[in-house]
Structure formats: C-alpha cells, structure tokens
C-alpha cells in the first residue's frame, strides 16, 4: 500500500513502498498521489556521498532517525545525529554526508522536476 485516500485522509505503509533512487541515496515516497499537493513524506536511506542539489519550489524538513554525519547547506557543514531536525528552504543547496536514515517532509508534495 503506497498511499490510499479514505474519507479525507491519506494512509501509507512506508516500509512497503518500493525505494526510488534519489540524489541522497534511496527514498520511499509516501503521499505522492493525484490530488494531493499539500506535502509528501519520504523515508530516505542516505549513502555516504550524496549529490548536492536544490529545489526552486520545495521546502524540506529533515528529521534524522539513525546515524551521525553532516548536512551541507550552502557550503556550510552542520553536524547531525538522531533527533536533529532542520528546515531547508527553496534555493538552499544541500546534501547529506554520512550514512544516515531520515524522514523528509516535502512541502508541497515532492515533484521530481523540482530537483536541480
């Protein structure tokens, strides 16, 4: 079950979603369904050397679940560990450094065409 709409809400079993390659490693993307433009939630396994990228329209909230490392934000390295959360605004060049598992909330719903 990826995401299913029931009575005004969406439900996802994230561990059953097929991983998709992304600049950070691999991502299980929930709530990317027609009609939902509000937000999406991604469970992301970050590889050691993720690619720097940015979004023109998307705000992202990262919440670190596992691992320790850094987020590189417009060239500045910020240390992260479990329970660290950071809001990344549109236009901010970013990448994760280290082997991490995160939750990523994309606002509005993630659009793969907004990855630069």
C-alpha atoms as a PDB file:
ATOM      1  CA  UNK A   1       0.000   0.000   0.000  1.00  0.00           C
ATOM      2  CA  UNK A   2       1.692   3.237  -1.100  1.00  0.00           C
ATOM      3  CA  UNK A   3      -0.915   5.846  -0.326  1.00  0.00           C
ATOM      4  CA  UNK A   4      -4.624   5.441  -0.351  1.00  0.00           C
ATOM      5  CA  UNK A   5      -7.258   8.098   0.141  1.00  0.00           C
ATOM      6  CA  UNK A   6     -10.004   7.329   2.629  1.00  0.00           C
ATOM      7  CA  UNK A   7     -12.528   9.887   3.886  1.00  0.00           C
ATOM      8  CA  UNK A   8     -10.336  12.979   3.697  1.00  0.00           C
ATOM      9  CA  UNK A   9      -7.033  11.480   4.779  1.00  0.00           C
ATOM     10  CA  UNK A  10      -4.173   9.506   3.258  1.00  0.00           C
ATOM     11  CA  UNK A  11      -2.669   6.347   4.739  1.00  0.00           C
ATOM     12  CA  UNK A  12       0.692   4.834   3.771  1.00  0.00           C
ATOM     13  CA  UNK A  13       2.612   1.745   4.845  1.00  0.00           C
ATOM     14  CA  UNK A  14       6.013   3.267   4.143  1.00  0.00           C
ATOM     15  CA  UNK A  15       8.045   0.066   4.562  1.00  0.00           C
ATOM     16  CA  UNK A  16       6.037  -1.497   1.705  1.00  0.00           C
ATOM     17  CA  UNK A  17       6.813   1.312  -0.774  1.00  0.00           C
ATOM     18  CA  UNK A  18       9.400   0.441  -3.429  1.00  0.00           C
ATOM     19  CA  UNK A  19      12.595   2.534  -2.946  1.00  0.00           C
ATOM     20  CA  UNK A  20      13.389   5.090  -5.649  1.00  0.00           C
ATOM     21  CA  UNK A  21      16.941   6.324  -6.397  1.00  0.00           C
ATOM     22  CA  UNK A  22      17.454   9.963  -5.398  1.00  0.00           C
ATOM     23  CA  UNK A  23      20.416  12.394  -5.082  1.00  0.00           C
ATOM     24  CA  UNK A  24      20.833  11.282  -1.460  1.00  0.00           C
ATOM     25  CA  UNK A  25      20.608   7.511  -1.948  1.00  0.00           C
ATOM     26  CA  UNK A  26      17.194   5.825  -1.991  1.00  0.00           C
ATOM     27  CA  UNK A  27      13.789   7.099  -0.934  1.00  0.00           C
ATOM     28  CA  UNK A  28      10.408   5.531  -0.134  1.00  0.00           C
ATOM     29  CA  UNK A  29       7.964   8.307  -1.070  1.00  0.00           C
ATOM     30  CA  UNK A  30       4.513   8.388   0.519  1.00  0.00           C
ATOM     31  CA  UNK A  31       1.500  10.561  -0.358  1.00  0.00           C
ATOM     32  CA  UNK A  32       2.579  11.324  -3.951  1.00  0.00           C
ATOM     33  CA  UNK A  33      -0.883  10.729  -5.371  1.00  0.00           C
ATOM     34  CA  UNK A  34      -3.108  12.711  -7.736  1.00  0.00           C
ATOM     35  CA  UNK A  35      -4.996  15.431  -5.901  1.00  0.00           C
ATOM     36  CA  UNK A  36      -2.509  15.753  -3.018  1.00  0.00           C
ATOM     37  CA  UNK A  37      -0.447  18.912  -3.404  1.00  0.00           C
ATOM     38  CA  UNK A  38      -0.006  19.572   0.321  1.00  0.00           C
ATOM     39  CA  UNK A  39       3.035  17.516   1.362  1.00  0.00           C
ATOM     40  CA  UNK A  40       4.756  14.165   0.972  1.00  0.00           C
ATOM     41  CA  UNK A  41       6.773  12.074   3.405  1.00  0.00           C
ATOM     42  CA  UNK A  42       9.931  10.236   2.397  1.00  0.00           C
ATOM     43  CA  UNK A  43      11.888   7.621   4.310  1.00  0.00           C
ATOM     44  CA  UNK A  44      15.408   8.114   2.949  1.00  0.00           C
ATOM     45  CA  UNK A  45      18.489   5.909   3.281  1.00  0.00           C
ATOM     46  CA  UNK A  46      21.375   8.264   2.628  1.00  0.00           C
ATOM     47  CA  UNK A  47      24.527   6.932   1.023  1.00  0.00           C
ATOM     48  CA  UNK A  48      27.880   8.187   2.161  1.00  0.00           C
ATOM     49  CA  UNK A  49      28.397  10.741  -0.632  1.00  0.00           C
ATOM     50  CA  UNK A  50      25.084  12.219  -1.668  1.00  0.00           C
ATOM     51  CA  UNK A  51      24.875  14.737  -4.510  1.00  0.00           C
ATOM     52  CA  UNK A  52      24.452  18.480  -3.888  1.00  0.00           C
ATOM     53  CA  UNK A  53      21.078  19.673  -5.163  1.00  0.00           C
ATOM     54  CA  UNK A  54      18.410  22.281  -4.509  1.00  0.00           C
ATOM     55  CA  UNK A  55      14.727  22.870  -5.118  1.00  0.00           C
ATOM     56  CA  UNK A  56      13.180  26.027  -6.569  1.00  0.00           C
ATOM     57  CA  UNK A  57       9.721  25.463  -5.056  1.00  0.00           C
ATOM     58  CA  UNK A  58      10.006  22.793  -2.359  1.00  0.00           C
ATOM     59  CA  UNK A  59      10.657  23.302   1.346  1.00  0.00           C
ATOM     60  CA  UNK A  60      12.030  20.183   3.045  1.00  0.00           C
ATOM     61  CA  UNK A  61      12.113  19.181   6.689  1.00  0.00           C
ATOM     62  CA  UNK A  62      14.735  16.553   7.517  1.00  0.00           C
ATOM     63  CA  UNK A  63      14.452  14.537  10.730  1.00  0.00           C
ATOM     64  CA  UNK A  64      17.425  12.283  11.463  1.00  0.00           C
ATOM     65  CA  UNK A  65      16.376   8.799  12.592  1.00  0.00           C
ATOM     66  CA  UNK A  66      19.696   6.908  12.514  1.00  0.00           C
ATOM     67  CA  UNK A  67      23.374   7.640  12.027  1.00  0.00           C
ATOM     68  CA  UNK A  68      25.670  10.597  12.534  1.00  0.00           C
ATOM     69  CA  UNK A  69      27.139  12.892   9.924  1.00  0.00           C
ATOM     70  CA  UNK A  70      26.656  16.324   8.431  1.00  0.00           C
ATOM     71  CA  UNK A  71      24.262  18.302   6.312  1.00  0.00           C
ATOM     72  CA  UNK A  72      25.991  20.626   3.887  1.00  0.00           C
ATOM     73  CA  UNK A  73      23.810  23.730   3.479  1.00  0.00           C
ATOM     74  CA  UNK A  74      25.025  26.375   1.009  1.00  0.00           C
ATOM     75  CA  UNK A  75      28.599  25.228   1.687  1.00  0.00           C
ATOM     76  CA  UNK A  76      28.319  25.146   5.498  1.00  0.00           C
ATOM     77  CA  UNK A  77      28.623  21.773   7.255  1.00  0.00           C
ATOM     78  CA  UNK A  78      26.220  21.268  10.142  1.00  0.00           C
ATOM     79  CA  UNK A  79      26.637  18.181  12.385  1.00  0.00           C
ATOM     80  CA  UNK A  80      23.570  15.928  12.694  1.00  0.00           C
ATOM     81  CA  UNK A  81      22.621  12.929  14.828  1.00  0.00           C
ATOM     82  CA  UNK A  82      19.374  11.157  15.752  1.00  0.00           C
ATOM     83  CA  UNK A  83      16.568  13.596  16.654  1.00  0.00           C
ATOM     84  CA  UNK A  84      18.198  16.512  14.773  1.00  0.00           C
ATOM     85  CA  UNK A  85      15.679  18.314  12.573  1.00  0.00           C
ATOM     86  CA  UNK A  86      16.317  21.022  10.007  1.00  0.00           C
ATOM     87  CA  UNK A  87      14.052  23.017   7.696  1.00  0.00           C
ATOM     88  CA  UNK A  88      15.607  23.573   4.259  1.00  0.00           C
ATOM     89  CA  UNK A  89      14.106  26.454   2.305  1.00  0.00           C
ATOM     90  CA  UNK A  90      13.817  26.609  -1.503  1.00  0.00           C
ATOM     91  CA  UNK A  91      17.057  27.638  -3.214  1.00  0.00           C
ATOM     92  CA  UNK A  92      19.317  26.213  -0.482  1.00  0.00           C
ATOM     93  CA  UNK A  93      21.948  23.926  -1.994  1.00  0.00           C
ATOM     94  CA  UNK A  94      22.169  20.888   0.235  1.00  0.00           C
ATOM     95  CA  UNK A  95      23.360  17.333   0.678  1.00  0.00           C
ATOM     96  CA  UNK A  96      23.852  14.857   3.491  1.00  0.00           C
ATOM     97  CA  UNK A  97      27.274  13.474   4.335  1.00  0.00           C
ATOM     98  CA  UNK A  98      27.483  10.160   6.136  1.00  0.00           C
ATOM     99  CA  UNK A  99      25.355   7.045   6.289  1.00  0.00           C
ATOM    100  CA  UNK A 100      22.002   8.211   7.652  1.00  0.00           C
ATOM    101  CA  UNK A 101      18.337   7.268   7.713  1.00  0.00           C
ATOM    102  CA  UNK A 102      15.994  10.256   7.737  1.00  0.00           C
ATOM    103  CA  UNK A 103      12.379  11.246   7.389  1.00  0.00           C
ATOM    104  CA  UNK A 104      11.963  14.022   4.848  1.00  0.00           C
ATOM    105  CA  UNK A 105       8.749  16.026   4.658  1.00  0.00           C
ATOM    106  CA  UNK A 106       8.433  17.816   1.316  1.00  0.00           C
ATOM    107  CA  UNK A 107       6.140  20.861   1.141  1.00  0.00           C
ATOM    108  CA  UNK A 108       4.374  20.996  -1.278  1.00  0.00           C
ATOM    109  CA  UNK A 109       4.208  17.362  -2.398  1.00  0.00           C
ATOM    110  CA  UNK A 110       7.535  16.330  -3.937  1.00  0.00           C
ATOM    111  CA  UNK A 111       7.895  16.986  -7.660  1.00  0.00           C
ATOM    112  CA  UNK A 112      10.883  15.268  -9.331  1.00  0.00           C
ATOM    113  CA  UNK A 113      11.040  18.145 -11.840  1.00  0.00           C
ATOM    114  CA  UNK A 114      11.960  20.482  -8.940  1.00  0.00           C
ATOM    115  CA  UNK A 115      15.344  18.875  -8.308  1.00  0.00           C
ATOM    116  CA  UNK A 116      18.332  20.829  -9.627  1.00  0.00           C
END
